[in-house]
Amino acid sequence: MSVMTEELLRSLPDLPDILAKLKSGEYELHGGVVRYAKGTGKGGQIVGHLLFPGDSQQTQAQLQQLQDTLSNGLGSLQTGMDHLQQSMSVLQGLQTANLVMTGLNLAVTTAGFVIVCQKLNKISAQIQAQSQTIAETWKLVSEAHERSQLTDEAQFRSLLLSARQFCEEGDVQQLRALIPDFHKEYQFTKLVLERHAAIPASTVQRLSDIRVLQDRLVNLGLALSHVQAKSGGVKYAHESLAQLETDVRALNVQRIEGLAIDRDTASKISHEQFAGVTDFLQHGKQMMPALAYQSEVITLETKHPGLLQQASTSREIMFLAA
């Protein structure tokens, strides 16, 4: 790491001016990026980036500490109330989004990619445990023939194991060869979710299956982006994350519109089902700042190789000046 980068990378608690300006509303948080707020004359310009500890529990503790710091004295900051509330919402999204709960630097670091692979393996296990209902879910896009679940599962596990090995070995050529298989898995999962999103009753009756499959889609998107970044396709890594954000948003919009049109289905939803659907849709919304952060992570690692590794060993949130 260059001397210049070391001078720019500081522990956030050691920069009270940054915290003060977040409180006052001069700065805002967008994902993990600190920007000038609108009306400051520099609206939208990047001030710096937040980099988080590699340990998930430490990350959560640091995010909570940052929230508490920003909340302190809220009553005396009426002029910055709206800006601060926006920053607080971003932090809450970072804390509660599924993909962030187990590590923030997933898009680039090897440790982060291992986490994604582990999550995908757990999701595969969930699909196996729910094999009967999942099989019925698959049928919507495979009516012509019965899907061979064991063969597909073996191919999927092989893909993840191979990707992990080639990432750790830095075998760019072999990684590139795996990209079409990641695209295939991603697109198949997306097609299943799109077919179900078009059926309002499915959103209610098969929500547990849909939740599992959407988690699979998100983590496949992260894995694909990681493989592309590691194999030199930074442009495509960004595009994959942007597409993932667009797909999750579009799926939720389709579900909401479907229930709004199908009043018969909507009228039969129980309070418990309504709470489940609302929580699922909110969860999708909370992913957005986290996915934006992942995109910024790729940019940072490209500009400053090894930066994330240094940040991940810290026990505090680090701040990289723009």
C-alpha atoms as a PDB file:
ATOM      1  CA  MET A   1       0.000   0.000   0.000  1.00  0.00           C
ATOM      2  CA  SER A   2       1.317   3.437  -0.905  1.00  0.00           C
ATOM      3  CA  VAL A   3       2.218   6.047   1.699  1.00  0.00           C
ATOM      4  CA  MET A   4      -0.472   8.258   0.192  1.00  0.00           C
ATOM      5  CA  THR A   5      -3.143   5.617   0.840  1.00  0.00           C
ATOM      6  CA  GLU A   6      -1.945   5.059   4.403  1.00  0.00           C
ATOM      7  CA  GLU A   7      -2.304   8.784   5.046  1.00  0.00           C
ATOM      8  CA  LEU A   8      -5.840   8.763   3.657  1.00  0.00           C
ATOM      9  CA  LEU A   9      -6.976   5.666   5.575  1.00  0.00           C
ATOM     10  CA  ARG A  10      -7.915   6.587   9.152  1.00  0.00           C
ATOM     11  CA  SER A  11     -10.002   5.126  11.948  1.00  0.00           C
ATOM     12  CA  LEU A  12     -13.451   6.742  11.873  1.00  0.00           C
ATOM     13  CA  PRO A  13     -13.577   7.324  15.674  1.00  0.00           C
ATOM     14  CA  ASP A  14     -10.422   9.456  15.276  1.00  0.00           C
ATOM     15  CA  LEU A  15     -12.220  11.787  12.857  1.00  0.00           C
ATOM     16  CA  PRO A  16     -14.820  13.674  14.945  1.00  0.00           C
ATOM     17  CA  ASP A  17     -15.302  16.242  12.179  1.00  0.00           C
ATOM     18  CA  ILE A  18     -16.747  13.543   9.899  1.00  0.00           C
ATOM     19  CA  LEU A  19     -19.196  12.443  12.599  1.00  0.00           C
ATOM     20  CA  ALA A  20     -20.136  16.048  13.376  1.00  0.00           C
ATOM     21  CA  LYS A  21     -20.927  16.790   9.744  1.00  0.00           C
ATOM     22  CA  LEU A  22     -22.991  13.604   9.450  1.00  0.00           C
ATOM     23  CA  LYS A  23     -24.931  14.817  12.476  1.00  0.00           C
ATOM     24  CA  SER A  24     -25.437  18.318  11.106  1.00  0.00           C
ATOM     25  CA  GLY A  25     -26.583  17.070   7.718  1.00  0.00           C
ATOM     26  CA  GLU A  26     -23.666  18.515   5.738  1.00  0.00           C
ATOM     27  CA  TYR A  27     -22.670  14.923   4.907  1.00  0.00           C
ATOM     28  CA  GLU A  28     -24.921  11.954   4.115  1.00  0.00           C
ATOM     29  CA  LEU A  29     -24.351   8.205   3.965  1.00  0.00           C
ATOM     30  CA  HIS A  30     -25.117   6.381   0.739  1.00  0.00           C
ATOM     31  CA  GLY A  31     -24.340   2.713   1.277  1.00  0.00           C
ATOM     32  CA  GLY A  32     -20.826   2.824   2.667  1.00  0.00           C
ATOM     33  CA  VAL A  33     -20.031   6.126   0.951  1.00  0.00           C
ATOM     34  CA  VAL A  34     -19.975   9.508   2.692  1.00  0.00           C
ATOM     35  CA  ARG A  35     -21.152  12.272   0.338  1.00  0.00           C
ATOM     36  CA  TYR A  36     -21.904  15.979   0.540  1.00  0.00           C
ATOM     37  CA  ALA A  37     -25.622  16.580   1.062  1.00  0.00           C
ATOM     38  CA  LYS A  38     -27.812  18.474  -1.364  1.00  0.00           C
ATOM     39  CA  GLY A  39     -27.793  22.208  -0.806  1.00  0.00           C
ATOM     40  CA  THR A  40     -24.156  22.352   0.269  1.00  0.00           C
ATOM     41  CA  GLY A  41     -22.930  23.423  -3.138  1.00  0.00           C
ATOM     42  CA  LYS A  42     -21.179  20.070  -3.560  1.00  0.00           C
ATOM     43  CA  GLY A  43     -24.229  17.831  -3.436  1.00  0.00           C
ATOM     44  CA  GLY A  44     -23.395  14.224  -4.245  1.00  0.00           C
ATOM     45  CA  GLN A  45     -19.622  14.615  -4.280  1.00  0.00           C
ATOM     46  CA  ILE A  46     -17.770  11.825  -2.448  1.00  0.00           C
ATOM     47  CA  VAL A  47     -16.026  12.755   0.790  1.00  0.00           C
ATOM     48  CA  GLY A  48     -14.762   9.252   1.507  1.00  0.00           C
ATOM     49  CA  HIS A  49     -15.602   5.582   1.963  1.00  0.00           C
ATOM     50  CA  LEU A  50     -16.270   3.503   5.073  1.00  0.00           C
ATOM     51  CA  LEU A  51     -14.420   0.182   5.335  1.00  0.00           C
ATOM     52  CA  PHE A  52     -15.590  -2.348   7.893  1.00  0.00           C
ATOM     53  CA  PRO A  53     -13.929  -4.969  10.122  1.00  0.00           C
ATOM     54  CA  GLY A  54     -13.667  -8.471   8.725  1.00  0.00           C
ATOM     55  CA  ASP A  55     -15.302  -9.984  11.815  1.00  0.00           C
ATOM     56  CA  SER A  56     -19.103  -9.938  11.455  1.00  0.00           C
ATOM     57  CA  GLN A  57     -19.826  -9.483  15.182  1.00  0.00           C
ATOM     58  CA  GLN A  58     -17.325  -6.648  15.407  1.00  0.00           C
ATOM     59  CA  THR A  59     -18.883  -5.057  12.323  1.00  0.00           C
ATOM     60  CA  GLN A  60     -22.342  -5.153  13.910  1.00  0.00           C
ATOM     61  CA  ALA A  61     -21.003  -3.694  17.143  1.00  0.00           C
ATOM     62  CA  GLN A  62     -19.257  -0.889  15.281  1.00  0.00           C
ATOM     63  CA  LEU A  63     -22.347  -0.083  13.222  1.00  0.00           C
ATOM     64  CA  GLN A  64     -24.427   0.065  16.396  1.00  0.00           C
ATOM     65  CA  GLN A  65     -21.840   2.325  18.007  1.00  0.00           C
ATOM     66  CA  LEU A  66     -21.909   4.614  14.974  1.00  0.00           C
ATOM     67  CA  GLN A  67     -25.705   4.735  15.106  1.00  0.00           C
ATOM     68  CA  ASP A  68     -25.605   5.616  18.808  1.00  0.00           C
ATOM     69  CA  THR A  69     -23.029   8.345  18.134  1.00  0.00           C
ATOM     70  CA  LEU A  70     -25.132   9.877  15.379  1.00  0.00           C
ATOM     71  CA  SER A  71     -28.289   9.635  17.488  1.00  0.00           C
ATOM     72  CA  ASN A  72     -26.704  11.395  20.470  1.00  0.00           C
ATOM     73  CA  GLY A  73     -27.967  14.957  20.680  1.00  0.00           C
ATOM     74  CA  LEU A  74     -30.578  14.442  17.965  1.00  0.00           C
ATOM     75  CA  GLY A  75     -33.049  16.765  19.671  1.00  0.00           C
ATOM     76  CA  SER A  76     -30.706  19.725  19.369  1.00  0.00           C
ATOM     77  CA  LEU A  77     -30.128  19.226  15.659  1.00  0.00           C
ATOM     78  CA  GLN A  78     -33.492  20.101  14.193  1.00  0.00           C
ATOM     79  CA  THR A  79     -32.010  21.580  11.008  1.00  0.00           C
ATOM     80  CA  GLY A  80     -30.200  18.340  10.211  1.00  0.00           C
ATOM     81  CA  MET A  81     -33.026  16.008  11.240  1.00  0.00           C
ATOM     82  CA  ASP A  82     -33.968  14.831   7.752  1.00  0.00           C
ATOM     83  CA  HIS A  83     -30.381  14.306   6.635  1.00  0.00           C
ATOM     84  CA  LEU A  84     -29.515  12.427   9.800  1.00  0.00           C
ATOM     85  CA  GLN A  85     -32.582  10.234   9.554  1.00  0.00           C
ATOM     86  CA  GLN A  86     -31.519   9.262   6.042  1.00  0.00           C
ATOM     87  CA  SER A  87     -28.056   8.323   7.273  1.00  0.00           C
ATOM     88  CA  MET A  88     -29.591   6.310  10.126  1.00  0.00           C
ATOM     89  CA  SER A  89     -31.813   4.434   7.674  1.00  0.00           C
ATOM     90  CA  VAL A  90     -28.789   3.521   5.573  1.00  0.00           C
ATOM     91  CA  LEU A  91     -26.989   2.166   8.637  1.00  0.00           C
ATOM     92  CA  GLN A  92     -30.033   0.159   9.662  1.00  0.00           C
ATOM     93  CA  GLY A  93     -30.184  -1.271   6.144  1.00  0.00           C
ATOM     94  CA  LEU A  94     -26.534  -2.263   6.312  1.00  0.00           C
ATOM     95  CA  GLN A  95     -27.148  -3.992   9.632  1.00  0.00           C
ATOM     96  CA  THR A  96     -30.239  -5.942   8.700  1.00  0.00           C
ATOM     97  CA  ALA A  97     -29.663  -6.888   5.049  1.00  0.00           C
ATOM     98  CA  ASN A  98     -29.013 -10.622   4.852  1.00  0.00           C
ATOM     99  CA  LEU A  99     -25.874 -10.399   2.737  1.00  0.00           C
ATOM    100  CA  VAL A 100     -24.226  -7.931   5.117  1.00  0.00           C
ATOM    101  CA  MET A 101     -24.885  -9.692   8.400  1.00  0.00           C
ATOM    102  CA  THR A 102     -21.972 -12.052   7.799  1.00  0.00           C
ATOM    103  CA  GLY A 103     -19.367  -9.708   6.367  1.00  0.00           C
ATOM    104  CA  LEU A 104     -19.333  -6.472   4.412  1.00  0.00           C
ATOM    105  CA  ASN A 105     -16.445  -6.880   1.980  1.00  0.00           C
ATOM    106  CA  LEU A 106     -18.015  -9.833   0.157  1.00  0.00           C
ATOM    107  CA  ALA A 107     -17.476  -8.571  -3.362  1.00  0.00           C
ATOM    108  CA  VAL A 108     -13.681  -8.664  -3.323  1.00  0.00           C
ATOM    109  CA  THR A 109     -11.963 -10.391  -0.398  1.00  0.00           C
ATOM    110  CA  THR A 110     -11.279 -14.110  -0.414  1.00  0.00           C
ATOM    111  CA  ALA A 111     -12.776 -14.451   3.068  1.00  0.00           C
ATOM    112  CA  GLY A 112     -15.915 -12.710   1.843  1.00  0.00           C
ATOM    113  CA  PHE A 113     -16.205 -15.070  -1.109  1.00  0.00           C
ATOM    114  CA  VAL A 114     -15.881 -18.068   1.213  1.00  0.00           C
ATOM    115  CA  ILE A 115     -18.799 -16.637   3.219  1.00  0.00           C
ATOM    116  CA  VAL A 116     -20.901 -16.362   0.064  1.00  0.00           C
ATOM    117  CA  CYS A 117     -20.078 -19.960  -0.900  1.00  0.00           C
ATOM    118  CA  GLN A 118     -21.015 -21.159   2.585  1.00  0.00           C
ATOM    119  CA  LYS A 119     -24.326 -19.319   2.389  1.00  0.00           C
ATOM    120  CA  LEU A 120     -25.053 -20.839  -1.010  1.00  0.00           C
ATOM    121  CA  ASN A 121     -24.304 -24.310   0.350  1.00  0.00           C
ATOM    122  CA  LYS A 122     -26.707 -23.699   3.241  1.00  0.00           C
ATOM    123  CA  ILE A 123     -29.354 -22.523   0.795  1.00  0.00           C
ATOM    124  CA  SER A 124     -28.837 -25.696  -1.259  1.00  0.00           C
ATOM    125  CA  ALA A 125     -29.350 -27.697   1.921  1.00  0.00           C
ATOM    126  CA  GLN A 126     -32.579 -25.786   2.549  1.00  0.00           C
ATOM    127  CA  ILE A 127     -33.746 -26.602  -0.960  1.00  0.00           C
ATOM    128  CA  GLN A 128     -33.019 -30.267  -0.318  1.00  0.00           C
ATOM    129  CA  ALA A 129     -34.912 -30.131   3.005  1.00  0.00           C
ATOM    130  CA  GLN A 130     -37.867 -28.526   1.252  1.00  0.00           C
ATOM    131  CA  SER A 131     -37.494 -30.833  -1.729  1.00  0.00           C
ATOM    132  CA  GLN A 132     -41.179 -31.589  -2.211  1.00  0.00           C
ATOM    133  CA  THR A 133     -42.395 -27.998  -2.209  1.00  0.00           C
ATOM    134  CA  ILE A 134     -39.315 -26.743  -4.045  1.00  0.00           C
ATOM    135  CA  ALA A 135     -39.856 -29.406  -6.701  1.00  0.00           C
ATOM    136  CA  GLU A 136     -43.381 -28.071  -7.214  1.00  0.00           C
ATOM    137  CA  THR A 137     -41.901 -24.585  -7.446  1.00  0.00           C
ATOM    138  CA  TRP A 138     -39.386 -25.676 -10.102  1.00  0.00           C
ATOM    139  CA  LYS A 139     -42.211 -27.157 -12.204  1.00  0.00           C
ATOM    140  CA  LEU A 140     -43.389 -23.731 -13.249  1.00  0.00           C
ATOM    141  CA  VAL A 141     -40.316 -23.429 -15.471  1.00  0.00           C
ATOM    142  CA  SER A 142     -39.668 -27.094 -16.231  1.00  0.00           C
ATOM    143  CA  GLU A 143     -43.044 -28.514 -17.233  1.00  0.00           C
ATOM    144  CA  ALA A 144     -41.588 -30.440 -20.194  1.00  0.00           C
ATOM    145  CA  HIS A 145     -39.499 -32.837 -18.108  1.00  0.00           C
ATOM    146  CA  GLU A 146     -38.742 -33.786 -14.538  1.00  0.00           C
ATOM    147  CA  ARG A 147     -35.684 -31.998 -13.201  1.00  0.00           C
ATOM    148  CA  SER A 148     -32.857 -34.192 -11.957  1.00  0.00           C
ATOM    149  CA  GLN A 149     -32.240 -32.601  -8.555  1.00  0.00           C
ATOM    150  CA  LEU A 150     -29.277 -34.718  -7.524  1.00  0.00           C
ATOM    151  CA  THR A 151     -27.393 -34.024 -10.755  1.00  0.00           C
ATOM    152  CA  ASP A 152     -28.077 -30.306 -10.502  1.00  0.00           C
ATOM    153  CA  GLU A 153     -26.985 -30.228  -6.870  1.00  0.00           C
ATOM    154  CA  ALA A 154     -23.732 -32.048  -7.697  1.00  0.00           C
ATOM    155  CA  GLN A 155     -22.993 -29.609 -10.527  1.00  0.00           C
ATOM    156  CA  PHE A 156     -23.741 -26.631  -8.307  1.00  0.00           C
ATOM    157  CA  ARG A 157     -21.488 -27.816  -5.483  1.00  0.00           C
ATOM    158  CA  SER A 158     -18.743 -28.547  -8.004  1.00  0.00           C
ATOM    159  CA  LEU A 159     -19.051 -25.011  -9.369  1.00  0.00           C
ATOM    160  CA  LEU A 160     -18.650 -23.437  -5.929  1.00  0.00           C
ATOM    161  CA  LEU A 161     -15.740 -25.651  -4.923  1.00  0.00           C
ATOM    162  CA  SER A 162     -13.945 -24.991  -8.212  1.00  0.00           C
ATOM    163  CA  ALA A 163     -14.523 -21.237  -7.998  1.00  0.00           C
ATOM    164  CA  ARG A 164     -13.216 -21.099  -4.446  1.00  0.00           C
ATOM    165  CA  GLN A 165     -10.092 -23.077  -5.359  1.00  0.00           C
ATOM    166  CA  PHE A 166      -9.318 -21.006  -8.462  1.00  0.00           C
ATOM    167  CA  CYS A 167      -9.891 -17.749  -6.546  1.00  0.00           C
ATOM    168  CA  GLU A 168      -7.462 -18.791  -3.798  1.00  0.00           C
ATOM    169  CA  GLU A 169      -4.898 -19.952  -6.360  1.00  0.00           C
ATOM    170  CA  GLY A 170      -5.325 -16.845  -8.521  1.00  0.00           C
ATOM    171  CA  ASP A 171      -5.991 -18.990 -11.591  1.00  0.00           C
ATOM    172  CA  VAL A 172      -7.589 -16.321 -13.794  1.00  0.00           C
ATOM    173  CA  GLN A 173      -8.011 -18.528 -16.862  1.00  0.00           C
ATOM    174  CA  GLN A 174      -9.920 -21.220 -14.981  1.00  0.00           C
ATOM    175  CA  LEU A 175     -12.058 -18.599 -13.213  1.00  0.00           C
ATOM    176  CA  ARG A 176     -13.123 -17.081 -16.519  1.00  0.00           C
ATOM    177  CA  ALA A 177     -14.184 -20.516 -17.707  1.00  0.00           C
ATOM    178  CA  LEU A 178     -16.629 -20.753 -14.774  1.00  0.00           C
ATOM    179  CA  ILE A 179     -18.424 -17.473 -15.513  1.00  0.00           C
ATOM    180  CA  PRO A 180     -20.961 -18.992 -17.983  1.00  0.00           C
ATOM    181  CA  ASP A 181     -21.986 -21.559 -15.342  1.00  0.00           C
ATOM    182  CA  PHE A 182     -22.553 -18.805 -12.764  1.00  0.00           C
ATOM    183  CA  HIS A 183     -24.651 -16.913 -15.308  1.00  0.00           C
ATOM    184  CA  LYS A 184     -26.680 -20.057 -15.985  1.00  0.00           C
ATOM    185  CA  GLU A 185     -27.415 -20.663 -12.292  1.00  0.00           C
ATOM    186  CA  TYR A 186     -28.286 -16.995 -11.764  1.00  0.00           C
ATOM    187  CA  GLN A 187     -30.578 -16.764 -14.792  1.00  0.00           C
ATOM    188  CA  PHE A 188     -32.386 -20.014 -13.978  1.00  0.00           C
ATOM    189  CA  THR A 189     -33.099 -18.852 -10.418  1.00  0.00           C
ATOM    190  CA  LYS A 190     -34.232 -15.474 -11.737  1.00  0.00           C
ATOM    191  CA  LEU A 191     -36.618 -17.118 -14.226  1.00  0.00           C
ATOM    192  CA  VAL A 192     -38.232 -19.178 -11.466  1.00  0.00           C
ATOM    193  CA  LEU A 193     -38.685 -16.079  -9.309  1.00  0.00           C
ATOM    194  CA  GLU A 194     -40.102 -14.075 -12.237  1.00  0.00           C
ATOM    195  CA  ARG A 195     -42.620 -16.813 -13.005  1.00  0.00           C
ATOM    196  CA  HIS A 196     -43.792 -16.854  -9.386  1.00  0.00           C
ATOM    197  CA  ALA A 197     -43.840 -13.058  -9.101  1.00  0.00           C
ATOM    198  CA  ALA A 198     -46.388 -13.054 -11.931  1.00  0.00           C
ATOM    199  CA  ILE A 199     -48.763 -15.197  -9.827  1.00  0.00           C
ATOM    200  CA  PRO A 200     -50.072 -13.140  -6.854  1.00  0.00           C
ATOM    201  CA  ALA A 201     -51.239 -16.201  -4.920  1.00  0.00           C
ATOM    202  CA  SER A 202     -47.750 -17.690  -5.175  1.00  0.00           C
ATOM    203  CA  THR A 203     -46.255 -14.720  -3.298  1.00  0.00           C
ATOM    204  CA  VAL A 204     -48.473 -15.632  -0.342  1.00  0.00           C
ATOM    205  CA  GLN A 205     -48.676 -19.410  -0.485  1.00  0.00           C
ATOM    206  CA  ARG A 206     -45.052 -20.172  -1.422  1.00  0.00           C
ATOM    207  CA  LEU A 207     -43.324 -17.344   0.405  1.00  0.00           C
ATOM    208  CA  SER A 208     -40.917 -19.654   2.285  1.00  0.00           C
ATOM    209  CA  ASP A 209     -39.717 -21.202  -0.999  1.00  0.00           C
ATOM    210  CA  ILE A 210     -39.485 -17.819  -2.688  1.00  0.00           C
ATOM    211  CA  ARG A 211     -37.474 -16.422   0.216  1.00  0.00           C
ATOM    212  CA  VAL A 212     -34.933 -19.250  -0.117  1.00  0.00           C
ATOM    213  CA  LEU A 213     -34.672 -18.799  -3.876  1.00  0.00           C
ATOM    214  CA  GLN A 214     -34.262 -15.030  -3.621  1.00  0.00           C
ATOM    215  CA  ASP A 215     -31.440 -15.508  -1.098  1.00  0.00           C
ATOM    216  CA  ARG A 216     -29.904 -17.882  -3.636  1.00  0.00           C
ATOM    217  CA  LEU A 217     -30.226 -15.255  -6.376  1.00  0.00           C
ATOM    218  CA  VAL A 218     -28.570 -12.556  -4.251  1.00  0.00           C
ATOM    219  CA  ASN A 219     -25.635 -14.709  -3.227  1.00  0.00           C
ATOM    220  CA  LEU A 220     -25.179 -16.040  -6.766  1.00  0.00           C
ATOM    221  CA  GLY A 221     -25.032 -12.429  -7.955  1.00  0.00           C
ATOM    222  CA  LEU A 222     -22.376 -11.635  -5.345  1.00  0.00           C
ATOM    223  CA  ALA A 223     -20.394 -14.756  -6.248  1.00  0.00           C
ATOM    224  CA  LEU A 224     -20.569 -13.955  -9.961  1.00  0.00           C
ATOM    225  CA  SER A 225     -19.387 -10.397  -9.325  1.00  0.00           C
ATOM    226  CA  HIS A 226     -16.490 -11.665  -7.210  1.00  0.00           C
ATOM    227  CA  VAL A 227     -15.363 -14.149  -9.867  1.00  0.00           C
ATOM    228  CA  GLN A 228     -15.551 -11.473 -12.567  1.00  0.00           C
ATOM    229  CA  ALA A 229     -13.554  -8.998 -10.465  1.00  0.00           C
ATOM    230  CA  LYS A 230     -10.909 -11.604  -9.612  1.00  0.00           C
ATOM    231  CA  SER A 231     -10.554 -12.610 -13.263  1.00  0.00           C
ATOM    232  CA  GLY A 232      -9.977  -9.027 -14.386  1.00  0.00           C
ATOM    233  CA  GLY A 233     -13.494  -8.153 -15.539  1.00  0.00           C
ATOM    234  CA  VAL A 234     -14.088  -5.219 -13.190  1.00  0.00           C
ATOM    235  CA  LYS A 235     -16.555  -3.608 -15.607  1.00  0.00           C
ATOM    236  CA  TYR A 236     -18.652  -6.781 -15.665  1.00  0.00           C
ATOM    237  CA  ALA A 237     -18.394  -7.171 -11.888  1.00  0.00           C
ATOM    238  CA  HIS A 238     -20.011  -3.728 -11.542  1.00  0.00           C
ATOM    239  CA  GLU A 239     -22.650  -4.635 -14.116  1.00  0.00           C
ATOM    240  CA  SER A 240     -23.528  -7.854 -12.276  1.00  0.00           C
ATOM    241  CA  LEU A 241     -24.129  -5.980  -9.023  1.00  0.00           C
ATOM    242  CA  ALA A 242     -26.181  -3.331 -10.809  1.00  0.00           C
ATOM    243  CA  GLN A 243     -28.222  -6.065 -12.500  1.00  0.00           C
ATOM    244  CA  LEU A 244     -28.755  -7.835  -9.170  1.00  0.00           C
ATOM    245  CA  GLU A 245     -30.083  -4.614  -7.631  1.00  0.00           C
ATOM    246  CA  THR A 246     -32.366  -4.060 -10.642  1.00  0.00           C
ATOM    247  CA  ASP A 247     -33.646  -7.651 -10.558  1.00  0.00           C
ATOM    248  CA  VAL A 248     -34.485  -7.658  -6.830  1.00  0.00           C
ATOM    249  CA  ARG A 249     -36.241  -4.311  -7.167  1.00  0.00           C
ATOM    250  CA  ALA A 250     -38.190  -5.401 -10.261  1.00  0.00           C
ATOM    251  CA  LEU A 251     -39.291  -8.681  -8.656  1.00  0.00           C
ATOM    252  CA  ASN A 252     -40.660  -6.862  -5.624  1.00  0.00           C
ATOM    253  CA  VAL A 253     -42.453  -4.282  -7.777  1.00  0.00           C
ATOM    254  CA  GLN A 254     -44.042  -7.101  -9.775  1.00  0.00           C
ATOM    255  CA  ARG A 255     -45.215  -8.810  -6.587  1.00  0.00           C
ATOM    256  CA  ILE A 256     -46.720  -5.622  -5.169  1.00  0.00           C
ATOM    257  CA  GLU A 257     -48.485  -4.744  -8.424  1.00  0.00           C
ATOM    258  CA  GLY A 258     -49.800  -8.285  -8.749  1.00  0.00           C
ATOM    259  CA  LEU A 259     -51.380  -8.246  -5.297  1.00  0.00           C
ATOM    260  CA  ALA A 260     -52.821  -4.781  -5.949  1.00  0.00           C
ATOM    261  CA  ILE A 261     -54.551  -6.038  -9.107  1.00  0.00           C
ATOM    262  CA  ASP A 262     -55.677  -9.432  -7.747  1.00  0.00           C
ATOM    263  CA  ARG A 263     -58.026  -8.169  -5.060  1.00  0.00           C
ATOM    264  CA  ASP A 264     -59.476 -11.624  -4.472  1.00  0.00           C
ATOM    265  CA  THR A 265     -56.082 -12.978  -3.374  1.00  0.00           C
ATOM    266  CA  ALA A 266     -55.274  -9.825  -1.418  1.00  0.00           C
ATOM    267  CA  SER A 267     -58.555  -9.975   0.488  1.00  0.00           C
ATOM    268  CA  LYS A 268     -57.832 -13.519   1.687  1.00  0.00           C
ATOM    269  CA  ILE A 269     -54.394 -12.789   3.156  1.00  0.00           C
ATOM    270  CA  SER A 270     -54.260 -13.383   6.898  1.00  0.00           C
ATOM    271  CA  HIS A 271     -52.558 -10.974   9.301  1.00  0.00           C
ATOM    272  CA  GLU A 272     -49.695 -13.439   9.689  1.00  0.00           C
ATOM    273  CA  GLN A 273     -49.269 -13.825   5.924  1.00  0.00           C
ATOM    274  CA  PHE A 274     -49.413 -10.065   5.419  1.00  0.00           C
ATOM    275  CA  ALA A 275     -46.684  -9.570   8.025  1.00  0.00           C
ATOM    276  CA  GLY A 276     -44.525 -12.190   6.299  1.00  0.00           C
ATOM    277  CA  VAL A 277     -44.931 -10.648   2.838  1.00  0.00           C
ATOM    278  CA  THR A 278     -44.269  -7.149   4.203  1.00  0.00           C
ATOM    279  CA  ASP A 279     -41.105  -8.317   5.971  1.00  0.00           C
ATOM    280  CA  PHE A 280     -39.899 -10.051   2.794  1.00  0.00           C
ATOM    281  CA  LEU A 281     -40.462  -6.965   0.636  1.00  0.00           C
ATOM    282  CA  GLN A 282     -38.824  -4.705   3.215  1.00  0.00           C
ATOM    283  CA  HIS A 283     -35.830  -6.999   3.343  1.00  0.00           C
ATOM    284  CA  GLY A 284     -35.406  -6.616  -0.425  1.00  0.00           C
ATOM    285  CA  LYS A 285     -35.507  -2.832  -0.059  1.00  0.00           C
ATOM    286  CA  GLN A 286     -32.885  -2.915   2.692  1.00  0.00           C
ATOM    287  CA  MET A 287     -30.450  -4.712   0.390  1.00  0.00           C
ATOM    288  CA  MET A 288     -30.116  -1.729  -1.934  1.00  0.00           C
ATOM    289  CA  PRO A 289     -27.559   0.335   0.048  1.00  0.00           C
ATOM    290  CA  ALA A 290     -25.604  -2.844   0.778  1.00  0.00           C
ATOM    291  CA  LEU A 291     -25.366  -3.690  -2.927  1.00  0.00           C
ATOM    292  CA  ALA A 292     -24.284  -0.129  -3.655  1.00  0.00           C
ATOM    293  CA  TYR A 293     -21.558  -0.598  -1.052  1.00  0.00           C
ATOM    294  CA  GLN A 294     -20.378  -3.800  -2.730  1.00  0.00           C
ATOM    295  CA  SER A 295     -19.961  -1.909  -5.993  1.00  0.00           C
ATOM    296  CA  GLU A 296     -17.864   0.743  -4.251  1.00  0.00           C
ATOM    297  CA  VAL A 297     -15.740  -1.998  -2.664  1.00  0.00           C
ATOM    298  CA  ILE A 298     -14.771  -3.299  -6.101  1.00  0.00           C
ATOM    299  CA  THR A 299     -13.749   0.193  -7.190  1.00  0.00           C
ATOM    300  CA  LEU A 300     -11.651   0.714  -4.055  1.00  0.00           C
ATOM    301  CA  GLU A 301      -9.840  -2.593  -4.355  1.00  0.00           C
ATOM    302  CA  THR A 302      -9.067  -1.859  -8.001  1.00  0.00           C
ATOM    303  CA  LYS A 303      -7.584   1.537  -7.150  1.00  0.00           C
ATOM    304  CA  HIS A 304      -5.855   0.399  -3.939  1.00  0.00           C
ATOM    305  CA  PRO A 305      -4.965  -3.330  -4.092  1.00  0.00           C
ATOM    306  CA  GLY A 306      -4.731  -4.872  -0.623  1.00  0.00           C
ATOM    307  CA  LEU A 307      -6.651  -2.028   1.014  1.00  0.00           C
ATOM    308  CA  LEU A 308      -9.576  -4.180   2.094  1.00  0.00           C
ATOM    309  CA  GLN A 309      -7.285  -6.770   3.637  1.00  0.00           C
ATOM    310  CA  GLN A 310      -5.773  -4.074   5.858  1.00  0.00           C
ATOM    311  CA  ALA A 311      -9.190  -2.688   6.768  1.00  0.00           C
ATOM    312  CA  SER A 312     -10.583  -6.142   7.580  1.00  0.00           C
ATOM    313  CA  THR A 313      -7.934  -6.699  10.277  1.00  0.00           C
ATOM    314  CA  SER A 314      -9.038  -3.568  12.132  1.00  0.00           C
ATOM    315  CA  ARG A 315     -11.563  -3.732  14.964  1.00  0.00           C
ATOM    316  CA  GLU A 316     -12.975  -0.319  14.079  1.00  0.00           C
ATOM    317  CA  ILE A 317     -14.674   1.240  11.073  1.00  0.00           C
ATOM    318  CA  MET A 318     -12.016   2.812   8.851  1.00  0.00           C
ATOM    319  CA  PHE A 319     -12.483   5.926   6.721  1.00  0.00           C
ATOM    320  CA  LEU A 320     -10.757   6.358   3.356  1.00  0.00           C
ATOM    321  CA  ALA A 321     -10.715   9.966   2.169  1.00  0.00           C
ATOM    322  CA  ALA A 322     -11.622  10.474  -1.473  1.00  0.00           C
END
